[in-house]
Amino acid sequence: MYETHEGLSSLYEVSCPELDFLVDFSKKNDSVLGSRMMGGGFGGCTLSLIHEDGVEEFISKAAKAYLNAFQKPLTAFIAMPSNGTRQIQANSNL
């Protein structure tokens, strides 16, 4: 994820200082497995994979650091991964 973000930021220049800040900030937290920018229109948000027990602490610290750096509040959304798309066999008894 970090390599992808680096490519989007440096090679394609579709990131912004706020997203680069959040991705760099996430590298300092052992609970974070990876982070990158994402979203339509480029420069929309970051996606960070975080161990469940570290989510609240990471959001709290990131929000404080972001507010200090940009004088803007950070909005965080928590999502849980799912099994994703899969084929469902039709029931022949219907």
PDB file of N, CA and C in Angstrom:
ATOM      1  N   MET A   1       0.821  -1.192   0.000  1.00  0.00           N
ATOM      2  CA  MET A   1       0.000   0.000   0.000  1.00  0.00           C
ATOM      3  C   MET A   1       0.866   1.256   0.000  1.00  0.00           C
ATOM      4  N   TYR A   2       1.930   1.211   0.791  1.00  0.00           N
ATOM      5  CA  TYR A   2       2.811   2.384   0.833  1.00  0.00           C
ATOM      6  C   TYR A   2       3.470   2.630  -0.522  1.00  0.00           C
ATOM      7  N   GLU A   3       3.875   1.564  -1.183  1.00  0.00           N
ATOM      8  CA  GLU A   3       4.495   1.721  -2.503  1.00  0.00           C
ATOM      9  C   GLU A   3       3.500   2.289  -3.517  1.00  0.00           C
ATOM     10  N   THR A   4       2.271   1.826  -3.457  1.00  0.00           N
ATOM     11  CA  THR A   4       1.237   2.349  -4.348  1.00  0.00           C
ATOM     12  C   THR A   4       1.034   3.843  -4.098  1.00  0.00           C
ATOM     13  N   HIS A   5       0.961   4.215  -2.835  1.00  0.00           N
ATOM     14  CA  HIS A   5       0.785   5.638  -2.524  1.00  0.00           C
ATOM     15  C   HIS A   5       1.965   6.452  -3.045  1.00  0.00           C
ATOM     16  N   GLU A   6       3.156   5.949  -2.850  1.00  0.00           N
ATOM     17  CA  GLU A   6       4.343   6.666  -3.319  1.00  0.00           C
ATOM     18  C   GLU A   6       4.273   6.898  -4.828  1.00  0.00           C
ATOM     19  N   GLY A   7       3.853   5.885  -5.578  1.00  0.00           N
ATOM     20  CA  GLY A   7       3.715   6.033  -7.024  1.00  0.00           C
ATOM     21  C   GLY A   7       2.665   7.058  -7.401  1.00  0.00           C
ATOM     22  N   LEU A   8       1.519   7.004  -6.725  1.00  0.00           N
ATOM     23  CA  LEU A   8       0.452   7.967  -7.013  1.00  0.00           C
ATOM     24  C   LEU A   8       0.875   9.383  -6.660  1.00  0.00           C
ATOM     25  N   SER A   9       1.607   9.519  -5.573  1.00  0.00           N
ATOM     26  CA  SER A   9       2.030  10.837  -5.125  1.00  0.00           C
ATOM     27  C   SER A   9       3.181  11.395  -5.959  1.00  0.00           C
ATOM     28  N   SER A  10       4.217  10.592  -6.161  1.00  0.00           N
ATOM     29  CA  SER A  10       5.432  11.078  -6.823  1.00  0.00           C
ATOM     30  C   SER A  10       5.407  10.964  -8.344  1.00  0.00           C
ATOM     31  N   LEU A  11       4.978   9.814  -8.847  1.00  0.00           N
ATOM     32  CA  LEU A  11       5.011   9.598 -10.292  1.00  0.00           C
ATOM     33  C   LEU A  11       3.830  10.241 -11.014  1.00  0.00           C
ATOM     34  N   TYR A  12       2.628  10.049 -10.462  1.00  0.00           N
ATOM     35  CA  TYR A  12       1.430  10.571 -11.125  1.00  0.00           C
ATOM     36  C   TYR A  12       0.992  11.936 -10.593  1.00  0.00           C
ATOM     37  N   GLU A  13       1.547  12.326  -9.458  1.00  0.00           N
ATOM     38  CA  GLU A  13       1.247  13.618  -8.838  1.00  0.00           C
ATOM     39  C   GLU A  13      -0.250  13.857  -8.658  1.00  0.00           C
ATOM     40  N   VAL A  14      -0.939  12.852  -8.124  1.00  0.00           N
ATOM     41  CA  VAL A  14      -2.380  12.958  -7.915  1.00  0.00           C
ATOM     42  C   VAL A  14      -2.751  12.971  -6.431  1.00  0.00           C
ATOM     43  N   SER A  15      -1.773  13.108  -5.572  1.00  0.00           N
ATOM     44  CA  SER A  15      -2.033  13.211  -4.143  1.00  0.00           C
ATOM     45  C   SER A  15      -2.040  14.685  -3.750  1.00  0.00           C
ATOM     46  N   CYS A  16      -2.036  14.945  -2.457  1.00  0.00           N
ATOM     47  CA  CYS A  16      -1.977  16.314  -1.955  1.00  0.00           C
ATOM     48  C   CYS A  16      -1.235  16.278  -0.617  1.00  0.00           C
ATOM     49  N   PRO A  17      -0.805  17.417  -0.096  1.00  0.00           N
ATOM     50  CA  PRO A  17      -0.048  17.426   1.159  1.00  0.00           C
ATOM     51  C   PRO A  17      -0.783  16.767   2.328  1.00  0.00           C
ATOM     52  N   GLU A  18      -2.099  16.950   2.401  1.00  0.00           N
ATOM     53  CA  GLU A  18      -2.865  16.363   3.499  1.00  0.00           C
ATOM     54  C   GLU A  18      -2.815  14.833   3.467  1.00  0.00           C
ATOM     55  N   LEU A  19      -2.980  14.259   2.278  1.00  0.00           N
ATOM     56  CA  LEU A  19      -2.953  12.796   2.177  1.00  0.00           C
ATOM     57  C   LEU A  19      -1.550  12.253   2.388  1.00  0.00           C
ATOM     58  N   ASP A  20      -0.566  12.931   1.841  1.00  0.00           N
ATOM     59  CA  ASP A  20       0.815  12.505   2.067  1.00  0.00           C
ATOM     60  C   ASP A  20       1.144  12.535   3.561  1.00  0.00           C
ATOM     61  N   PHE A  21       0.657  13.552   4.247  1.00  0.00           N
ATOM     62  CA  PHE A  21       0.861  13.667   5.692  1.00  0.00           C
ATOM     63  C   PHE A  21       0.260  12.469   6.424  1.00  0.00           C
ATOM     64  N   LEU A  22      -0.981  12.127   6.097  1.00  0.00           N
ATOM     65  CA  LEU A  22      -1.647  11.016   6.785  1.00  0.00           C
ATOM     66  C   LEU A  22      -0.945   9.686   6.520  1.00  0.00           C
ATOM     67  N   VAL A  23      -0.523   9.459   5.294  1.00  0.00           N
ATOM     68  CA  VAL A  23       0.181   8.215   4.974  1.00  0.00           C
ATOM     69  C   VAL A  23       1.515   8.177   5.717  1.00  0.00           C
ATOM     70  N   ASP A  24       2.258   9.268   5.701  1.00  0.00           N
ATOM     71  CA  ASP A  24       3.528   9.308   6.426  1.00  0.00           C
ATOM     72  C   ASP A  24       3.313   9.136   7.927  1.00  0.00           C
ATOM     73  N   PHE A  25       2.277   9.767   8.469  1.00  0.00           N
ATOM     74  CA  PHE A  25       1.953   9.632   9.888  1.00  0.00           C
ATOM     75  C   PHE A  25       1.661   8.174  10.242  1.00  0.00           C
ATOM     76  N   SER A  26       0.962   7.469   9.358  1.00  0.00           N
ATOM     77  CA  SER A  26       0.585   6.080   9.643  1.00  0.00           C
ATOM     78  C   SER A  26       1.802   5.163   9.748  1.00  0.00           C
ATOM     79  N   LYS A  27       2.884   5.523   9.071  1.00  0.00           N
ATOM     80  CA  LYS A  27       4.100   4.698   9.108  1.00  0.00           C
ATOM     81  C   LYS A  27       4.729   4.655  10.493  1.00  0.00           C
ATOM     82  N   LYS A  28       4.387   5.604  11.341  1.00  0.00           N
ATOM     83  CA  LYS A  28       4.943   5.687  12.691  1.00  0.00           C
ATOM     84  C   LYS A  28       4.153   4.862  13.702  1.00  0.00           C
ATOM     85  N   ASN A  29       3.085   4.217  13.270  1.00  0.00           N
ATOM     86  CA  ASN A  29       2.204   3.483  14.163  1.00  0.00           C
ATOM     87  C   ASN A  29       2.290   1.991  13.868  1.00  0.00           C
ATOM     88  N   ASP A  30       2.692   1.215  14.858  1.00  0.00           N
ATOM     89  CA  ASP A  30       2.861  -0.237  14.676  1.00  0.00           C
ATOM     90  C   ASP A  30       1.554  -0.967  14.396  1.00  0.00           C
ATOM     91  N   SER A  31       0.417  -0.361  14.713  1.00  0.00           N
ATOM     92  CA  SER A  31      -0.876  -1.001  14.460  1.00  0.00           C
ATOM     93  C   SER A  31      -1.294  -0.920  12.999  1.00  0.00           C
ATOM     94  N   VAL A  32      -0.653  -0.050  12.233  1.00  0.00           N
ATOM     95  CA  VAL A  32      -1.036   0.157  10.835  1.00  0.00           C
ATOM     96  C   VAL A  32      -0.243  -0.790   9.936  1.00  0.00           C
ATOM     97  N   LEU A  33      -0.973  -1.555   9.114  1.00  0.00           N
ATOM     98  CA  LEU A  33      -0.345  -2.480   8.178  1.00  0.00           C
ATOM     99  C   LEU A  33       0.020  -1.801   6.866  1.00  0.00           C
ATOM    100  N   GLY A  34      -0.701  -0.759   6.504  1.00  0.00           N
ATOM    101  CA  GLY A  34      -0.446  -0.036   5.270  1.00  0.00           C
ATOM    102  C   GLY A  34      -1.456   1.082   5.111  1.00  0.00           C
ATOM    103  N   SER A  35      -1.115   2.030   4.249  1.00  0.00           N
ATOM    104  CA  SER A  35      -1.993   3.173   4.009  1.00  0.00           C
ATOM    105  C   SER A  35      -1.701   3.732   2.626  1.00  0.00           C
ATOM    106  N   ARG A  36      -2.730   4.271   1.985  1.00  0.00           N
ATOM    107  CA  ARG A  36      -2.569   4.883   0.667  1.00  0.00           C
ATOM    108  C   ARG A  36      -3.751   5.801   0.384  1.00  0.00           C
ATOM    109  N   MET A  37      -3.564   6.688  -0.566  1.00  0.00           N
ATOM    110  CA  MET A  37      -4.684   7.527  -0.977  1.00  0.00           C
ATOM    111  C   MET A  37      -5.631   6.704  -1.844  1.00  0.00           C
ATOM    112  N   MET A  38      -6.862   7.115  -1.889  1.00  0.00           N
ATOM    113  CA  MET A  38      -7.845   6.456  -2.747  1.00  0.00           C
ATOM    114  C   MET A  38      -9.011   7.400  -2.961  1.00  0.00           C
ATOM    115  N   GLY A  39      -9.899   7.001  -3.820  1.00  0.00           N
ATOM    116  CA  GLY A  39     -11.116   7.765  -4.018  1.00  0.00           C
ATOM    117  C   GLY A  39     -11.195   8.416  -5.375  1.00  0.00           C
ATOM    118  N   GLY A  40     -12.383   8.609  -5.822  1.00  0.00           N
ATOM    119  CA  GLY A  40     -12.610   9.255  -7.101  1.00  0.00           C
ATOM    120  C   GLY A  40     -12.126  10.694  -7.085  1.00  0.00           C
ATOM    121  N   GLY A  41     -11.598  11.147  -8.193  1.00  0.00           N
ATOM    122  CA  GLY A  41     -11.117  12.508  -8.297  1.00  0.00           C
ATOM    123  C   GLY A  41      -9.717  12.698  -7.767  1.00  0.00           C
ATOM    124  N   PHE A  42      -9.111  11.652  -7.259  1.00  0.00           N
ATOM    125  CA  PHE A  42      -7.768  11.688  -6.682  1.00  0.00           C
ATOM    126  C   PHE A  42      -7.679  12.738  -5.574  1.00  0.00           C
ATOM    127  N   GLY A  43      -6.924  12.413  -4.577  1.00  0.00           N
ATOM    128  CA  GLY A  43      -6.777  13.336  -3.462  1.00  0.00           C
ATOM    129  C   GLY A  43      -7.981  13.372  -2.555  1.00  0.00           C
ATOM    130  N   GLY A  44      -8.786  12.306  -2.542  1.00  0.00           N
ATOM    131  CA  GLY A  44     -10.015  12.299  -1.761  1.00  0.00           C
ATOM    132  C   GLY A  44      -9.866  11.858  -0.322  1.00  0.00           C
ATOM    133  N   CYS A  45      -9.198  10.732  -0.093  1.00  0.00           N
ATOM    134  CA  CYS A  45      -9.074  10.211   1.261  1.00  0.00           C
ATOM    135  C   CYS A  45      -7.947   9.176   1.304  1.00  0.00           C
ATOM    136  N   THR A  46      -7.645   8.729   2.510  1.00  0.00           N
ATOM    137  CA  THR A  46      -6.696   7.629   2.648  1.00  0.00           C
ATOM    138  C   THR A  46      -7.433   6.406   3.145  1.00  0.00           C
ATOM    139  N   LEU A  47      -6.923   5.262   2.768  1.00  0.00           N
ATOM    140  CA  LEU A  47      -7.393   3.974   3.258  1.00  0.00           C
ATOM    141  C   LEU A  47      -6.243   3.404   4.052  1.00  0.00           C
ATOM    142  N   SER A  48      -6.490   3.090   5.309  1.00  0.00           N
ATOM    143  CA  SER A  48      -5.450   2.529   6.170  1.00  0.00           C
ATOM    144  C   SER A  48      -5.938   1.216   6.752  1.00  0.00           C
ATOM    145  N   LEU A  49      -5.116   0.191   6.651  1.00  0.00           N
ATOM    146  CA  LEU A  49      -5.417  -1.091   7.267  1.00  0.00           C
ATOM    147  C   LEU A  49      -4.774  -1.103   8.646  1.00  0.00           C
ATOM    148  N   ILE A  50      -5.614  -1.237   9.672  1.00  0.00           N
ATOM    149  CA  ILE A  50      -5.154  -1.094  11.055  1.00  0.00           C
ATOM    150  C   ILE A  50      -5.635  -2.291  11.865  1.00  0.00           C
ATOM    151  N   HIS A  51      -4.754  -2.826  12.719  1.00  0.00           N
ATOM    152  CA  HIS A  51      -5.187  -3.882  13.637  1.00  0.00           C
ATOM    153  C   HIS A  51      -6.347  -3.348  14.467  1.00  0.00           C
ATOM    154  N   GLU A  52      -7.340  -4.188  14.679  1.00  0.00           N
ATOM    155  CA  GLU A  52      -8.574  -3.762  15.349  1.00  0.00           C
ATOM    156  C   GLU A  52      -8.319  -3.092  16.697  1.00  0.00           C
ATOM    157  N   ASP A  53      -7.379  -3.609  17.467  1.00  0.00           N
ATOM    158  CA  ASP A  53      -7.137  -3.047  18.793  1.00  0.00           C
ATOM    159  C   ASP A  53      -6.402  -1.703  18.762  1.00  0.00           C
ATOM    160  N   GLY A  54      -5.977  -1.244  17.602  1.00  0.00           N
ATOM    161  CA  GLY A  54      -5.276   0.024  17.505  1.00  0.00           C
ATOM    162  C   GLY A  54      -6.029   1.115  16.780  1.00  0.00           C
ATOM    163  N   VAL A  55      -7.252   0.821  16.344  1.00  0.00           N
ATOM    164  CA  VAL A  55      -8.008   1.774  15.519  1.00  0.00           C
ATOM    165  C   VAL A  55      -8.310   3.075  16.259  1.00  0.00           C
ATOM    166  N   GLU A  56      -8.914   2.984  17.424  1.00  0.00           N
ATOM    167  CA  GLU A  56      -9.324   4.195  18.143  1.00  0.00           C
ATOM    168  C   GLU A  56      -8.127   5.071  18.504  1.00  0.00           C
ATOM    169  N   GLU A  57      -7.027   4.453  18.952  1.00  0.00           N
ATOM    170  CA  GLU A  57      -5.841   5.219  19.308  1.00  0.00           C
ATOM    171  C   GLU A  57      -5.250   5.902  18.073  1.00  0.00           C
ATOM    172  N   PHE A  58      -5.202   5.171  16.967  1.00  0.00           N
ATOM    173  CA  PHE A  58      -4.659   5.764  15.737  1.00  0.00           C
ATOM    174  C   PHE A  58      -5.499   6.955  15.295  1.00  0.00           C
ATOM    175  N   ILE A  59      -6.812   6.809  15.280  1.00  0.00           N
ATOM    176  CA  ILE A  59      -7.683   7.909  14.860  1.00  0.00           C
ATOM    177  C   ILE A  59      -7.481   9.123  15.759  1.00  0.00           C
ATOM    178  N   SER A  60      -7.416   8.897  17.055  1.00  0.00           N
ATOM    179  CA  SER A  60      -7.240  10.000  18.004  1.00  0.00           C
ATOM    180  C   SER A  60      -5.928  10.745  17.756  1.00  0.00           C
ATOM    181  N   LYS A  61      -4.842   9.998  17.620  1.00  0.00           N
ATOM    182  CA  LYS A  61      -3.538  10.630  17.392  1.00  0.00           C
ATOM    183  C   LYS A  61      -3.466  11.297  16.018  1.00  0.00           C
ATOM    184  N   ALA A  62      -4.007  10.640  15.005  1.00  0.00           N
ATOM    185  CA  ALA A  62      -3.988  11.207  13.657  1.00  0.00           C
ATOM    186  C   ALA A  62      -4.819  12.488  13.604  1.00  0.00           C
ATOM    187  N   ALA A  63      -5.964  12.493  14.263  1.00  0.00           N
ATOM    188  CA  ALA A  63      -6.831  13.679  14.264  1.00  0.00           C
ATOM    189  C   ALA A  63      -6.117  14.871  14.902  1.00  0.00           C
ATOM    190  N   LYS A  64      -5.424  14.635  16.007  1.00  0.00           N
ATOM    191  CA  LYS A  64      -4.697  15.721  16.670  1.00  0.00           C
ATOM    192  C   LYS A  64      -3.564  16.237  15.797  1.00  0.00           C
ATOM    193  N   ALA A  65      -2.797  15.331  15.223  1.00  0.00           N
ATOM    194  CA  ALA A  65      -1.668  15.722  14.376  1.00  0.00           C
ATOM    195  C   ALA A  65      -2.149  16.461  13.127  1.00  0.00           C
ATOM    196  N   TYR A  66      -3.241  15.986  12.536  1.00  0.00           N
ATOM    197  CA  TYR A  66      -3.801  16.600  11.321  1.00  0.00           C
ATOM    198  C   TYR A  66      -4.307  18.004  11.624  1.00  0.00           C
ATOM    199  N   LEU A  67      -5.027  18.156  12.718  1.00  0.00           N
ATOM    200  CA  LEU A  67      -5.536  19.472  13.107  1.00  0.00           C
ATOM    201  C   LEU A  67      -4.377  20.437  13.351  1.00  0.00           C
ATOM    202  N   ASN A  68      -3.331  19.957  14.011  1.00  0.00           N
ATOM    203  CA  ASN A  68      -2.165  20.791  14.277  1.00  0.00           C
ATOM    204  C   ASN A  68      -1.458  21.197  12.984  1.00  0.00           C
ATOM    205  N   ALA A  69      -1.365  20.276  12.041  1.00  0.00           N
ATOM    206  CA  ALA A  69      -0.640  20.547  10.796  1.00  0.00           C
ATOM    207  C   ALA A  69      -1.426  21.389   9.801  1.00  0.00           C
ATOM    208  N   PHE A  70      -2.753  21.197   9.737  1.00  0.00           N
ATOM    209  CA  PHE A  70      -3.545  21.832   8.675  1.00  0.00           C
ATOM    210  C   PHE A  70      -4.668  22.737   9.173  1.00  0.00           C
ATOM    211  N   GLN A  71      -4.856  22.802  10.488  1.00  0.00           N
ATOM    212  CA  GLN A  71      -5.941  23.598  11.076  1.00  0.00           C
ATOM    213  C   GLN A  71      -7.300  23.225  10.492  1.00  0.00           C
ATOM    214  N   LYS A  72      -7.447  21.919  10.209  1.00  0.00           N
ATOM    215  CA  LYS A  72      -8.712  21.371   9.707  1.00  0.00           C
ATOM    216  C   LYS A  72      -9.015  20.108  10.504  1.00  0.00           C
ATOM    217  N   PRO A  73     -10.292  19.878  10.818  1.00  0.00           N
ATOM    218  CA  PRO A  73     -10.623  18.632  11.517  1.00  0.00           C
ATOM    219  C   PRO A  73     -10.519  17.427  10.582  1.00  0.00           C
ATOM    220  N   LEU A  74     -10.113  16.323  11.140  1.00  0.00           N
ATOM    221  CA  LEU A  74     -10.025  15.064  10.396  1.00  0.00           C
ATOM    222  C   LEU A  74     -11.335  14.302  10.549  1.00  0.00           C
ATOM    223  N   THR A  75     -11.860  13.792   9.468  1.00  0.00           N
ATOM    224  CA  THR A  75     -13.044  12.941   9.517  1.00  0.00           C
ATOM    225  C   THR A  75     -12.597  11.509   9.258  1.00  0.00           C
ATOM    226  N   ALA A  76     -12.951  10.600  10.150  1.00  0.00           N
ATOM    227  CA  ALA A  76     -12.559   9.197  10.015  1.00  0.00           C
ATOM    228  C   ALA A  76     -13.802   8.322   9.914  1.00  0.00           C
ATOM    229  N   PHE A  77     -13.721   7.306   9.082  1.00  0.00           N
ATOM    230  CA  PHE A  77     -14.780   6.315   8.925  1.00  0.00           C
ATOM    231  C   PHE A  77     -14.163   4.951   9.192  1.00  0.00           C
ATOM    232  N   ILE A  78     -14.824   4.141   9.987  1.00  0.00           N
ATOM    233  CA  ILE A  78     -14.337   2.797  10.287  1.00  0.00           C
ATOM    234  C   ILE A  78     -15.162   1.802   9.483  1.00  0.00           C
ATOM    235  N   ALA A  79     -14.485   0.927   8.774  1.00  0.00           N
ATOM    236  CA  ALA A  79     -15.153  -0.106   7.973  1.00  0.00           C
ATOM    237  C   ALA A  79     -14.506  -1.450   8.272  1.00  0.00           C
ATOM    238  N   MET A  80     -15.275  -2.490   8.177  1.00  0.00           N
ATOM    239  CA  MET A  80     -14.769  -3.844   8.400  1.00  0.00           C
ATOM    240  C   MET A  80     -14.755  -4.581   7.065  1.00  0.00           C
ATOM    241  N   PRO A  81     -13.678  -5.306   6.778  1.00  0.00           N
ATOM    242  CA  PRO A  81     -13.644  -6.081   5.527  1.00  0.00           C
ATOM    243  C   PRO A  81     -14.683  -7.201   5.563  1.00  0.00           C
ATOM    244  N   SER A  82     -15.139  -7.596   4.400  1.00  0.00           N
ATOM    245  CA  SER A  82     -16.106  -8.688   4.312  1.00  0.00           C
ATOM    246  C   SER A  82     -15.539  -9.775   3.413  1.00  0.00           C
ATOM    247  N   ASN A  83     -16.324 -10.803   3.186  1.00  0.00           N
ATOM    248  CA  ASN A  83     -15.903 -11.891   2.307  1.00  0.00           C
ATOM    249  C   ASN A  83     -15.867 -11.469   0.845  1.00  0.00           C
ATOM    250  N   GLY A  84     -16.475 -10.340   0.520  1.00  0.00           N
ATOM    251  CA  GLY A  84     -16.452  -9.852  -0.850  1.00  0.00           C
ATOM    252  C   GLY A  84     -17.478 -10.544  -1.732  1.00  0.00           C
ATOM    253  N   THR A  85     -17.319 -10.332  -3.008  1.00  0.00           N
ATOM    254  CA  THR A  85     -18.242 -10.882  -3.998  1.00  0.00           C
ATOM    255  C   THR A  85     -17.977 -12.365  -4.185  1.00  0.00           C
ATOM    256  N   ARG A  86     -19.047 -13.130  -4.300  1.00  0.00           N
ATOM    257  CA  ARG A  86     -18.907 -14.561  -4.552  1.00  0.00           C
ATOM    258  C   ARG A  86     -20.126 -15.060  -5.303  1.00  0.00           C
ATOM    259  N   GLN A  87     -19.983 -16.165  -5.965  1.00  0.00           N
ATOM    260  CA  GLN A  87     -21.082 -16.747  -6.714  1.00  0.00           C
ATOM    261  C   GLN A  87     -21.985 -17.533  -5.777  1.00  0.00           C
ATOM    262  N   ILE A  88     -23.265 -17.335  -5.924  1.00  0.00           N
ATOM    263  CA  ILE A  88     -24.243 -18.065  -5.126  1.00  0.00           C
ATOM    264  C   ILE A  88     -24.989 -19.008  -6.069  1.00  0.00           C
ATOM    265  N   GLN A  89     -25.020 -20.264  -5.724  1.00  0.00           N
ATOM    266  CA  GLN A  89     -25.714 -21.248  -6.556  1.00  0.00           C
ATOM    267  C   GLN A  89     -27.218 -21.112  -6.343  1.00  0.00           C
ATOM    268  N   ALA A  90     -27.960 -21.123  -7.440  1.00  0.00           N
ATOM    269  CA  ALA A  90     -29.417 -21.059  -7.355  1.00  0.00           C
ATOM    270  C   ALA A  90     -29.949 -22.337  -6.752  1.00  0.00           C
ATOM    271  N   ASN A  91     -30.986 -22.200  -5.935  1.00  0.00           N
ATOM    272  CA  ASN A  91     -31.611 -23.349  -5.298  1.00  0.00           C
ATOM    273  C   ASN A  91     -32.558 -23.996  -6.313  1.00  0.00           C
ATOM    274  N   SER A  92     -32.313 -25.251  -6.648  1.00  0.00           N
ATOM    275  CA  SER A  92     -33.128 -25.944  -7.649  1.00  0.00           C
ATOM    276  C   SER A  92     -34.521 -26.282  -7.117  1.00  0.00           C
ATOM    277  N   ASN A  93     -34.773 -26.125  -5.822  1.00  0.00           N
ATOM    278  CA  ASN A  93     -36.087 -26.410  -5.245  1.00  0.00           C
ATOM    279  C   ASN A  93     -37.047 -25.228  -5.362  1.00  0.00           C
ATOM    280  N   LEU A  94     -36.606 -24.123  -5.899  1.00  0.00           N
ATOM    281  CA  LEU A  94     -37.483 -22.937  -5.974  1.00  0.00           C
ATOM    282  C   LEU A  94     -38.383 -22.999  -7.144  1.00  0.00           C
TER     283      LEU A  94
END
